[in-house]
Amino acid sequence: MGKVVLITGGSSGIGKTVGNFLQKKGYIVYGSSRNPQQVTDSLFPLVAIDVRNSETIQQAVQEIIRKEGKIDVLINNAGVGITGPVEEIPLEEIQNNFHTNVFGPIEMMKAVLPFMRKQKSGLIINITSIAGYMGLPYRGIYSASKGALELITESIRMEVKPFNIKMANVAPGDFATDIASRRFHAPLLDHSPYKEIYSQQLATINEHVNDGGDPIEMAQAIDKIIRSKNPKVHYKVGAFMQKFSIFLKKILPDTVYEKMLMNHYKIKRNLNADSLHSE
C-alpha cells in the first residue's frame, strides 16, 4: 500500500503541484482547501480544512484515518503572504497571518501526531520560506511567521524523534504561483512616510513571484525528502542567490548584512519623512 500523504493548501500553487507530482509517483494523496466543493480540477481528493479552525482539522484527519487507516506524511503547506510597513499593518491582519502560518500548522501537527505515534512512524514537512531566515523590509510579519515555524519544527523534531517520527523544514524561494493574488497588502496611504519606498517594493515583490522558478522543483525536493531515511532539519529550494543570502547572513557582521539588504531594496539611511516626500 502506498504512503498516505496529506497536503494542506492543496488546491493551488505549490501544494497542488506537489500533490499532482506525488500522486503520479504512486502516493495516496489528499489535499485540503477551505472550500473543496469549489475546486473542480483537482487530480486528487480534497478535504475541507481551514487551518484557523481546529474543528475542521480534527474532522479532516479523522476522515482520512477512517478511509486509509493511517497518515504517513503531513505537508504543512497552507500559508498566506503579507506585505507592508509593520507600523501600518492592522493588528487583525498580523494575527490572521500568524494564525494561518504558525498556529494552523501547529494544530495540524497536534492532530496527526497521536496517529503517527500509534503506527510508530511518520513524517511531517513544514513549508516555510527563505524569507524566514532574515527580517526583510516590508515583509517583516511574513518573515517572522515563517521564521517561527522554522524554530518550532526544530523543537518538535527532537520531541518526537523517540517515536520514530521525522520532521523537516523546506524553505522555498520565489516560485511562479498565485500567492501574490492572495497576499494581504497594507494599503498605500497618501500621507504615509513609507509610501514612496513601499510602492516601489510592492511592485518588486510581485515581480519576483511572477518571475519565480517552476514549483515542480519543490515537488521533486519533497519526494526526495519522503524517500530519505534520515531527513535533514532544513532544506532550501530556490535560486542560487536566494539560498546564498542565508549563507551571507551567517558570515557577515549584522550591520554589513543590513546595509546589503537596504542597498538591495533601495532604502536610504537617515532619511526623514519630510525629505522622503520631497525627493
C-alpha atoms as a PDB file:
ATOM      1  CA  MET A   1       0.000   0.000   0.000  1.00  0.00           C
ATOM      2  CA  GLY A   2       1.353   3.419  -0.924  1.00  0.00           C
ATOM      3  CA  LYS A   3       2.147   6.079   1.618  1.00  0.00           C
ATOM      4  CA  VAL A   4      -0.765   8.318   2.563  1.00  0.00           C
ATOM      5  CA  VAL A   5       0.091  12.000   2.223  1.00  0.00           C
ATOM      6  CA  LEU A   6      -1.966  14.954   3.461  1.00  0.00           C
ATOM      7  CA  ILE A   7      -1.096  18.356   1.986  1.00  0.00           C
ATOM      8  CA  THR A   8      -2.714  21.462   3.417  1.00  0.00           C
ATOM      9  CA  GLY A   9      -3.422  24.174   0.881  1.00  0.00           C
ATOM     10  CA  GLY A  10      -3.520  21.604  -1.885  1.00  0.00           C
ATOM     11  CA  SER A  11      -5.911  23.328  -4.260  1.00  0.00           C
ATOM     12  CA  SER A  12      -3.430  25.710  -5.899  1.00  0.00           C
ATOM     13  CA  GLY A  13       0.181  26.821  -6.133  1.00  0.00           C
ATOM     14  CA  ILE A  14       2.971  24.744  -4.652  1.00  0.00           C
ATOM     15  CA  GLY A  15       0.556  22.438  -2.818  1.00  0.00           C
ATOM     16  CA  LYS A  16      -1.285  21.471  -5.981  1.00  0.00           C
ATOM     17  CA  THR A  17       1.941  20.910  -7.919  1.00  0.00           C
ATOM     18  CA  VAL A  18       3.373  18.758  -5.130  1.00  0.00           C
ATOM     19  CA  GLY A  19       0.161  16.741  -4.861  1.00  0.00           C
ATOM     20  CA  ASN A  20      -0.017  16.047  -8.582  1.00  0.00           C
ATOM     21  CA  PHE A  21       3.633  15.012  -8.667  1.00  0.00           C
ATOM     22  CA  LEU A  22       3.371  12.689  -5.662  1.00  0.00           C
ATOM     23  CA  GLN A  23       0.195  11.050  -6.935  1.00  0.00           C
ATOM     24  CA  LYS A  24       1.919  10.218 -10.224  1.00  0.00           C
ATOM     25  CA  LYS A  25       4.716   8.687  -8.148  1.00  0.00           C
ATOM     26  CA  GLY A  26       2.238   6.282  -6.522  1.00  0.00           C
ATOM     27  CA  TYR A  27       1.457   8.024  -3.250  1.00  0.00           C
ATOM     28  CA  ILE A  28      -2.112   8.195  -1.930  1.00  0.00           C
ATOM     29  CA  VAL A  29      -2.592  11.953  -1.830  1.00  0.00           C
ATOM     30  CA  TYR A  30      -5.166  14.065  -0.032  1.00  0.00           C
ATOM     31  CA  GLY A  31      -5.130  17.815  -0.304  1.00  0.00           C
ATOM     32  CA  SER A  32      -7.065  20.367   1.666  1.00  0.00           C
ATOM     33  CA  SER A  33      -8.975  23.514   0.843  1.00  0.00           C
ATOM     34  CA  ARG A  34     -11.276  25.775   2.796  1.00  0.00           C
ATOM     35  CA  ASN A  35     -13.897  25.223   0.076  1.00  0.00           C
ATOM     36  CA  PRO A  36     -13.112  21.951  -1.730  1.00  0.00           C
ATOM     37  CA  GLN A  37     -16.514  21.906  -3.442  1.00  0.00           C
ATOM     38  CA  GLN A  38     -15.434  24.945  -5.454  1.00  0.00           C
ATOM     39  CA  VAL A  39     -12.367  23.172  -6.866  1.00  0.00           C
ATOM     40  CA  THR A  40     -13.262  21.192  -9.974  1.00  0.00           C
ATOM     41  CA  ASP A  41      -9.858  20.421 -11.494  1.00  0.00           C
ATOM     42  CA  SER A  42      -8.066  18.592  -8.681  1.00  0.00           C
ATOM     43  CA  LEU A  43      -6.425  15.286  -9.615  1.00  0.00           C
ATOM     44  CA  PHE A  44      -6.566  14.085  -6.014  1.00  0.00           C
ATOM     45  CA  PRO A  45      -9.319  14.271  -3.370  1.00  0.00           C
ATOM     46  CA  LEU A  46      -9.627  17.405  -1.272  1.00  0.00           C
ATOM     47  CA  VAL A  47     -10.856  17.547   2.322  1.00  0.00           C
ATOM     48  CA  ALA A  48     -12.259  20.667   3.959  1.00  0.00           C
ATOM     49  CA  ILE A  49      -9.723  22.334   6.255  1.00  0.00           C
ATOM     50  CA  ASP A  50      -9.421  25.895   7.428  1.00  0.00           C
ATOM     51  CA  VAL A  51      -6.177  25.777   9.390  1.00  0.00           C
ATOM     52  CA  ARG A  52      -7.532  28.580  11.596  1.00  0.00           C
ATOM     53  CA  ASN A  53     -10.355  26.279  12.701  1.00  0.00           C
ATOM     54  CA  SER A  54      -9.331  23.334  14.922  1.00  0.00           C
ATOM     55  CA  GLU A  55     -12.653  21.557  14.410  1.00  0.00           C
ATOM     56  CA  THR A  56     -12.171  21.322  10.632  1.00  0.00           C
ATOM     57  CA  ILE A  57      -8.654  19.999  11.192  1.00  0.00           C
ATOM     58  CA  GLN A  58      -9.804  17.217  13.513  1.00  0.00           C
ATOM     59  CA  GLN A  59     -12.695  16.238  11.231  1.00  0.00           C
ATOM     60  CA  ALA A  60     -10.487  16.021   8.147  1.00  0.00           C
ATOM     61  CA  VAL A  61      -7.777  13.983   9.861  1.00  0.00           C
ATOM     62  CA  GLN A  62     -10.371  11.583  11.256  1.00  0.00           C
ATOM     63  CA  GLU A  63     -11.948  11.248   7.800  1.00  0.00           C
ATOM     64  CA  ILE A  64      -8.648  10.251   6.201  1.00  0.00           C
ATOM     65  CA  ILE A  65      -7.854   7.822   9.013  1.00  0.00           C
ATOM     66  CA  ARG A  66     -11.261   6.173   8.552  1.00  0.00           C
ATOM     67  CA  LYS A  67     -10.662   5.765   4.817  1.00  0.00           C
ATOM     68  CA  GLU A  68      -6.988   4.850   4.766  1.00  0.00           C
ATOM     69  CA  GLY A  69      -6.185   3.704   8.303  1.00  0.00           C
ATOM     70  CA  LYS A  70      -3.126   5.937   8.531  1.00  0.00           C
ATOM     71  CA  ILE A  71      -1.419   9.192   7.587  1.00  0.00           C
ATOM     72  CA  ASP A  72       2.230   8.661   6.737  1.00  0.00           C
ATOM     73  CA  VAL A  73       3.174  12.181   5.686  1.00  0.00           C
ATOM     74  CA  LEU A  74       1.796  15.587   6.626  1.00  0.00           C
ATOM     75  CA  ILE A  75       2.916  18.504   4.481  1.00  0.00           C
ATOM     76  CA  ASN A  76       2.038  21.809   6.136  1.00  0.00           C
ATOM     77  CA  ASN A  77       1.874  23.935   3.022  1.00  0.00           C
ATOM     78  CA  ALA A  78      -1.119  26.232   3.645  1.00  0.00           C
ATOM     79  CA  GLY A  79       0.024  29.781   4.234  1.00  0.00           C
ATOM     80  CA  VAL A  80      -0.621  33.393   3.332  1.00  0.00           C
ATOM     81  CA  GLY A  81       1.611  36.279   2.393  1.00  0.00           C
ATOM     82  CA  ILE A  82       1.519  39.755   3.860  1.00  0.00           C
ATOM     83  CA  THR A  83       3.342  42.967   2.993  1.00  0.00           C
ATOM     84  CA  GLY A  84       3.570  46.476   4.344  1.00  0.00           C
ATOM     85  CA  PRO A  85       5.395  48.640   6.855  1.00  0.00           C
ATOM     86  CA  VAL A  86       4.901  46.918  10.216  1.00  0.00           C
ATOM     87  CA  GLU A  87       3.742  50.239  11.670  1.00  0.00           C
ATOM     88  CA  GLU A  88       0.837  50.387   9.242  1.00  0.00           C
ATOM     89  CA  ILE A  89      -0.372  46.768   9.133  1.00  0.00           C
ATOM     90  CA  PRO A  90      -3.642  46.334  11.093  1.00  0.00           C
ATOM     91  CA  LEU A  91      -3.275  44.098  14.142  1.00  0.00           C
ATOM     92  CA  GLU A  92      -6.051  41.786  12.952  1.00  0.00           C
ATOM     93  CA  GLU A  93      -4.132  41.114   9.740  1.00  0.00           C
ATOM     94  CA  ILE A  94      -0.971  40.321  11.718  1.00  0.00           C
ATOM     95  CA  GLN A  95      -2.954  37.933  13.911  1.00  0.00           C
ATOM     96  CA  ASN A  96      -4.546  36.280  10.872  1.00  0.00           C
ATOM     97  CA  ASN A  97      -1.128  35.761   9.306  1.00  0.00           C
ATOM     98  CA  PHE A  98       0.277  34.089  12.413  1.00  0.00           C
ATOM     99  CA  HIS A  99      -2.895  32.043  12.817  1.00  0.00           C
ATOM    100  CA  THR A 100      -2.521  30.707   9.281  1.00  0.00           C
ATOM    101  CA  ASN A 101       1.258  30.403   9.046  1.00  0.00           C
ATOM    102  CA  VAL A 102       2.124  29.318  12.602  1.00  0.00           C
ATOM    103  CA  PHE A 103      -0.815  28.310  14.790  1.00  0.00           C
ATOM    104  CA  GLY A 104      -2.522  26.379  11.981  1.00  0.00           C
ATOM    105  CA  PRO A 105       0.492  24.165  11.258  1.00  0.00           C
ATOM    106  CA  ILE A 106       0.879  23.548  14.995  1.00  0.00           C
ATOM    107  CA  GLU A 107      -2.748  22.401  15.207  1.00  0.00           C
ATOM    108  CA  MET A 108      -2.227  20.157  12.178  1.00  0.00           C
ATOM    109  CA  MET A 109       0.803  18.549  13.798  1.00  0.00           C
ATOM    110  CA  LYS A 110      -1.074  18.044  17.069  1.00  0.00           C
ATOM    111  CA  ALA A 111      -3.879  16.338  15.138  1.00  0.00           C
ATOM    112  CA  VAL A 112      -1.710  13.784  13.299  1.00  0.00           C
ATOM    113  CA  LEU A 113       0.954  13.054  15.918  1.00  0.00           C
ATOM    114  CA  PRO A 114      -1.181  10.664  18.047  1.00  0.00           C
ATOM    115  CA  PHE A 115      -1.809   8.504  14.962  1.00  0.00           C
ATOM    116  CA  MET A 116       1.815   8.617  13.859  1.00  0.00           C
ATOM    117  CA  ARG A 117       2.904   7.649  17.350  1.00  0.00           C
ATOM    118  CA  LYS A 118       0.462   4.722  17.314  1.00  0.00           C
ATOM    119  CA  GLN A 119       1.771   3.489  13.953  1.00  0.00           C
ATOM    120  CA  LYS A 120       5.350   4.085  15.167  1.00  0.00           C
ATOM    121  CA  SER A 121       6.270   6.075  12.079  1.00  0.00           C
ATOM    122  CA  GLY A 122       5.534   9.293  10.270  1.00  0.00           C
ATOM    123  CA  LEU A 123       6.987  12.326   8.575  1.00  0.00           C
ATOM    124  CA  ILE A 124       5.988  15.984   8.890  1.00  0.00           C
ATOM    125  CA  ILE A 125       7.274  18.501   6.366  1.00  0.00           C
ATOM    126  CA  ASN A 126       6.700  22.173   7.111  1.00  0.00           C
ATOM    127  CA  ILE A 127       6.858  24.562   4.173  1.00  0.00           C
ATOM    128  CA  THR A 128       8.496  27.743   5.443  1.00  0.00           C
ATOM    129  CA  SER A 129      10.348  30.324   3.338  1.00  0.00           C
ATOM    130  CA  ILE A 130      13.815  31.633   2.659  1.00  0.00           C
ATOM    131  CA  ALA A 131      12.311  34.916   3.896  1.00  0.00           C
ATOM    132  CA  GLY A 132      12.017  33.232   7.303  1.00  0.00           C
ATOM    133  CA  TYR A 133      15.797  33.319   7.713  1.00  0.00           C
ATOM    134  CA  MET A 134      16.014  37.102   7.731  1.00  0.00           C
ATOM    135  CA  GLY A 135      13.907  40.139   8.542  1.00  0.00           C
ATOM    136  CA  LEU A 136      13.012  41.643   5.185  1.00  0.00           C
ATOM    137  CA  PRO A 137      11.751  45.222   4.903  1.00  0.00           C
ATOM    138  CA  TYR A 138       8.030  45.462   4.181  1.00  0.00           C
ATOM    139  CA  ARG A 139       7.759  41.704   4.705  1.00  0.00           C
ATOM    140  CA  GLY A 140       8.584  41.666   8.403  1.00  0.00           C
ATOM    141  CA  ILE A 141       5.402  39.898   9.524  1.00  0.00           C
ATOM    142  CA  TYR A 142       5.777  37.213   6.871  1.00  0.00           C
ATOM    143  CA  SER A 143       9.453  36.721   7.733  1.00  0.00           C
ATOM    144  CA  ALA A 144       8.574  36.451  11.422  1.00  0.00           C
ATOM    145  CA  SER A 145       5.791  33.907  10.922  1.00  0.00           C
ATOM    146  CA  LYS A 146       7.882  31.660   8.696  1.00  0.00           C
ATOM    147  CA  GLY A 147      10.899  32.031  10.977  1.00  0.00           C
ATOM    148  CA  ALA A 148       8.726  30.990  13.927  1.00  0.00           C
ATOM    149  CA  LEU A 149       7.642  27.837  12.096  1.00  0.00           C
ATOM    150  CA  GLU A 150      11.295  27.001  11.363  1.00  0.00           C
ATOM    151  CA  LEU A 151      12.160  27.133  15.073  1.00  0.00           C
ATOM    152  CA  ILE A 152       9.049  25.273  16.174  1.00  0.00           C
ATOM    153  CA  THR A 153       9.935  22.479  13.775  1.00  0.00           C
ATOM    154  CA  GLU A 154      13.419  22.245  15.284  1.00  0.00           C
ATOM    155  CA  SER A 155      11.878  21.835  18.743  1.00  0.00           C
ATOM    156  CA  ILE A 156       9.163  19.320  17.876  1.00  0.00           C
ATOM    157  CA  ARG A 157      11.591  17.305  15.763  1.00  0.00           C
ATOM    158  CA  MET A 158      13.600  16.478  18.903  1.00  0.00           C
ATOM    159  CA  GLU A 159      10.465  15.787  20.948  1.00  0.00           C
ATOM    160  CA  VAL A 160       9.038  13.211  18.518  1.00  0.00           C
ATOM    161  CA  LYS A 161      12.276  11.529  17.462  1.00  0.00           C
ATOM    162  CA  PRO A 162      11.920   8.810  20.181  1.00  0.00           C
ATOM    163  CA  PHE A 163       8.647   7.740  18.496  1.00  0.00           C
ATOM    164  CA  ASN A 164      10.274   7.260  15.064  1.00  0.00           C
ATOM    165  CA  ILE A 165       8.557  10.366  13.726  1.00  0.00           C
ATOM    166  CA  LYS A 166      10.666  12.531  11.452  1.00  0.00           C
ATOM    167  CA  MET A 167      10.384  16.211  10.645  1.00  0.00           C
ATOM    168  CA  ALA A 168      11.888  18.643   8.184  1.00  0.00           C
ATOM    169  CA  ASN A 169      11.574  22.248   7.068  1.00  0.00           C
ATOM    170  CA  VAL A 170      11.541  23.116   3.382  1.00  0.00           C
ATOM    171  CA  ALA A 171      12.155  26.793   2.672  1.00  0.00           C
ATOM    172  CA  PRO A 172      11.241  27.844  -0.875  1.00  0.00           C
ATOM    173  CA  GLY A 173      12.433  30.987  -2.559  1.00  0.00           C
ATOM    174  CA  ASP A 174      10.316  32.733  -5.201  1.00  0.00           C
ATOM    175  CA  PHE A 175       8.201  30.429  -7.338  1.00  0.00           C
ATOM    176  CA  ALA A 176       5.687  31.298 -10.023  1.00  0.00           C
ATOM    177  CA  THR A 177       2.377  30.755  -8.187  1.00  0.00           C
ATOM    178  CA  ASP A 178      -0.774  32.722  -7.457  1.00  0.00           C
ATOM    179  CA  ILE A 179       0.361  33.707  -3.937  1.00  0.00           C
ATOM    180  CA  ALA A 180       0.515  37.388  -4.880  1.00  0.00           C
ATOM    181  CA  SER A 181      -3.219  37.443  -5.597  1.00  0.00           C
ATOM    182  CA  ARG A 182      -3.987  36.040  -2.142  1.00  0.00           C
ATOM    183  CA  ARG A 183      -1.457  38.092  -0.176  1.00  0.00           C
ATOM    184  CA  PHE A 184      -2.609  40.876   2.144  1.00  0.00           C
ATOM    185  CA  HIS A 185      -1.093  44.195   1.120  1.00  0.00           C
ATOM    186  CA  ALA A 186      -1.203  47.046   3.603  1.00  0.00           C
ATOM    187  CA  PRO A 187      -2.805  49.921   1.676  1.00  0.00           C
ATOM    188  CA  LEU A 188      -0.657  52.678   0.210  1.00  0.00           C
ATOM    189  CA  LEU A 189      -1.607  55.657   2.360  1.00  0.00           C
ATOM    190  CA  ASP A 190      -1.344  59.089   0.770  1.00  0.00           C
ATOM    191  CA  HIS A 191       0.271  60.703   3.798  1.00  0.00           C
ATOM    192  CA  SER A 192       2.418  57.747   4.821  1.00  0.00           C
ATOM    193  CA  PRO A 193       6.159  58.390   5.281  1.00  0.00           C
ATOM    194  CA  TYR A 194       6.677  54.937   3.741  1.00  0.00           C
ATOM    195  CA  LYS A 195       4.535  55.495   0.640  1.00  0.00           C
ATOM    196  CA  GLU A 196       7.244  56.012  -1.983  1.00  0.00           C
ATOM    197  CA  ILE A 197       9.548  53.176  -0.968  1.00  0.00           C
ATOM    198  CA  TYR A 198       6.707  50.770  -0.130  1.00  0.00           C
ATOM    199  CA  SER A 199       5.035  51.289  -3.509  1.00  0.00           C
ATOM    200  CA  GLN A 200       8.332  50.523  -5.232  1.00  0.00           C
ATOM    201  CA  GLN A 201       8.901  47.426  -3.110  1.00  0.00           C
ATOM    202  CA  LEU A 202       5.367  46.171  -3.652  1.00  0.00           C
ATOM    203  CA  ALA A 203       5.919  46.145  -7.399  1.00  0.00           C
ATOM    204  CA  THR A 204       9.280  44.418  -6.966  1.00  0.00           C
ATOM    205  CA  ILE A 205       7.888  41.742  -4.621  1.00  0.00           C
ATOM    206  CA  ASN A 206       5.128  40.825  -7.075  1.00  0.00           C
ATOM    207  CA  GLU A 207       7.594  40.850  -9.959  1.00  0.00           C
ATOM    208  CA  HIS A 208       9.835  38.359  -8.145  1.00  0.00           C
ATOM    209  CA  VAL A 209       6.911  35.960  -7.758  1.00  0.00           C
ATOM    210  CA  ASN A 210       5.912  36.292 -11.413  1.00  0.00           C
ATOM    211  CA  ASP A 211       9.495  35.633 -12.493  1.00  0.00           C
ATOM    212  CA  GLY A 212       9.972  32.816  -9.980  1.00  0.00           C
ATOM    213  CA  GLY A 213      11.012  29.247 -10.659  1.00  0.00           C
ATOM    214  CA  ASP A 214       8.876  26.258 -11.570  1.00  0.00           C
ATOM    215  CA  PRO A 215       7.085  24.791  -8.492  1.00  0.00           C
ATOM    216  CA  ILE A 216       7.952  21.318  -9.795  1.00  0.00           C
ATOM    217  CA  GLU A 217      11.346  21.878  -8.124  1.00  0.00           C
ATOM    218  CA  MET A 218       9.561  21.875  -4.766  1.00  0.00           C
ATOM    219  CA  ALA A 219       7.687  18.687  -5.675  1.00  0.00           C
ATOM    220  CA  GLN A 220      10.906  16.905  -6.615  1.00  0.00           C
ATOM    221  CA  ALA A 221      12.621  18.057  -3.421  1.00  0.00           C
ATOM    222  CA  ILE A 222       9.728  16.892  -1.235  1.00  0.00           C
ATOM    223  CA  ASP A 223       9.584  13.495  -2.952  1.00  0.00           C
ATOM    224  CA  LYS A 224      13.295  13.083  -2.230  1.00  0.00           C
ATOM    225  CA  ILE A 225      12.768  14.005   1.432  1.00  0.00           C
ATOM    226  CA  ILE A 226       9.936  11.489   1.805  1.00  0.00           C
ATOM    227  CA  ARG A 227      12.172   8.760   0.402  1.00  0.00           C
ATOM    228  CA  SER A 228      15.085   9.742   2.645  1.00  0.00           C
ATOM    229  CA  LYS A 229      15.825   7.501   5.626  1.00  0.00           C
ATOM    230  CA  ASN A 230      17.113  10.409   7.687  1.00  0.00           C
ATOM    231  CA  PRO A 231      15.763  13.769   6.512  1.00  0.00           C
ATOM    232  CA  LYS A 232      17.741  16.857   7.427  1.00  0.00           C
ATOM    233  CA  VAL A 233      16.252  19.603   9.581  1.00  0.00           C
ATOM    234  CA  HIS A 234      16.465  22.325   6.939  1.00  0.00           C
ATOM    235  CA  TYR A 235      16.176  22.328   3.166  1.00  0.00           C
ATOM    236  CA  LYS A 236      16.274  25.375   0.882  1.00  0.00           C
ATOM    237  CA  VAL A 237      14.821  25.273  -2.617  1.00  0.00           C
ATOM    238  CA  GLY A 238      15.207  28.222  -4.953  1.00  0.00           C
ATOM    239  CA  ALA A 239      17.553  30.376  -6.987  1.00  0.00           C
ATOM    240  CA  PHE A 240      21.224  30.342  -6.037  1.00  0.00           C
ATOM    241  CA  MET A 241      21.348  33.950  -4.820  1.00  0.00           C
ATOM    242  CA  GLN A 242      18.287  33.460  -2.629  1.00  0.00           C
ATOM    243  CA  LYS A 243      19.914  30.498  -0.896  1.00  0.00           C
ATOM    244  CA  PHE A 244      23.286  32.248  -0.830  1.00  0.00           C
ATOM    245  CA  SER A 245      21.719  35.161   1.078  1.00  0.00           C
ATOM    246  CA  ILE A 246      21.226  32.813   4.047  1.00  0.00           C
ATOM    247  CA  PHE A 247      24.897  31.861   3.975  1.00  0.00           C
ATOM    248  CA  LEU A 248      25.895  35.525   3.823  1.00  0.00           C
ATOM    249  CA  LYS A 249      23.864  36.282   6.924  1.00  0.00           C
ATOM    250  CA  LYS A 250      25.819  33.627   8.807  1.00  0.00           C
ATOM    251  CA  ILE A 251      29.231  35.003   7.899  1.00  0.00           C
ATOM    252  CA  LEU A 252      28.748  38.776   7.620  1.00  0.00           C
ATOM    253  CA  PRO A 253      28.574  41.205  10.545  1.00  0.00           C
ATOM    254  CA  ASP A 254      24.970  42.208  11.267  1.00  0.00           C
ATOM    255  CA  THR A 255      25.433  45.819  10.225  1.00  0.00           C
ATOM    256  CA  VAL A 256      27.098  44.820   6.953  1.00  0.00           C
ATOM    257  CA  TYR A 257      24.296  42.405   6.129  1.00  0.00           C
ATOM    258  CA  GLU A 258      21.697  45.042   6.993  1.00  0.00           C
ATOM    259  CA  LYS A 259      23.438  47.551   4.724  1.00  0.00           C
ATOM    260  CA  MET A 260      23.474  44.981   1.925  1.00  0.00           C
ATOM    261  CA  LEU A 261      19.710  44.408   2.270  1.00  0.00           C
ATOM    262  CA  MET A 262      18.955  48.125   2.377  1.00  0.00           C
ATOM    263  CA  ASN A 263      21.002  48.673  -0.759  1.00  0.00           C
ATOM    264  CA  HIS A 264      19.212  45.794  -2.457  1.00  0.00           C
ATOM    265  CA  TYR A 265      15.824  47.258  -1.551  1.00  0.00           C
ATOM    266  CA  LYS A 266      16.997  50.806  -2.334  1.00  0.00           C
ATOM    267  CA  ILE A 267      16.243  52.098   1.151  1.00  0.00           C
ATOM    268  CA  LYS A 268      18.240  55.188   2.066  1.00  0.00           C
ATOM    269  CA  ARG A 269      19.651  55.561   5.563  1.00  0.00           C
ATOM    270  CA  ASN A 270      18.930  58.546   7.814  1.00  0.00           C
ATOM    271  CA  LEU A 271      16.140  59.824   5.619  1.00  0.00           C
ATOM    272  CA  ASN A 272      13.416  61.712   7.473  1.00  0.00           C
ATOM    273  CA  ALA A 273       9.774  61.759   6.418  1.00  0.00           C
ATOM    274  CA  ASP A 274       9.848  65.311   5.016  1.00  0.00           C
ATOM    275  CA  SER A 275      12.761  64.644   2.684  1.00  0.00           C
ATOM    276  CA  LEU A 276      11.185  61.382   1.593  1.00  0.00           C
ATOM    277  CA  HIS A 277       8.228  63.252   0.087  1.00  0.00           C
ATOM    278  CA  SER A 278      10.387  66.000  -1.386  1.00  0.00           C
ATOM    279  CA  GLU A 279      12.617  63.707  -3.456  1.00  0.00           C
END
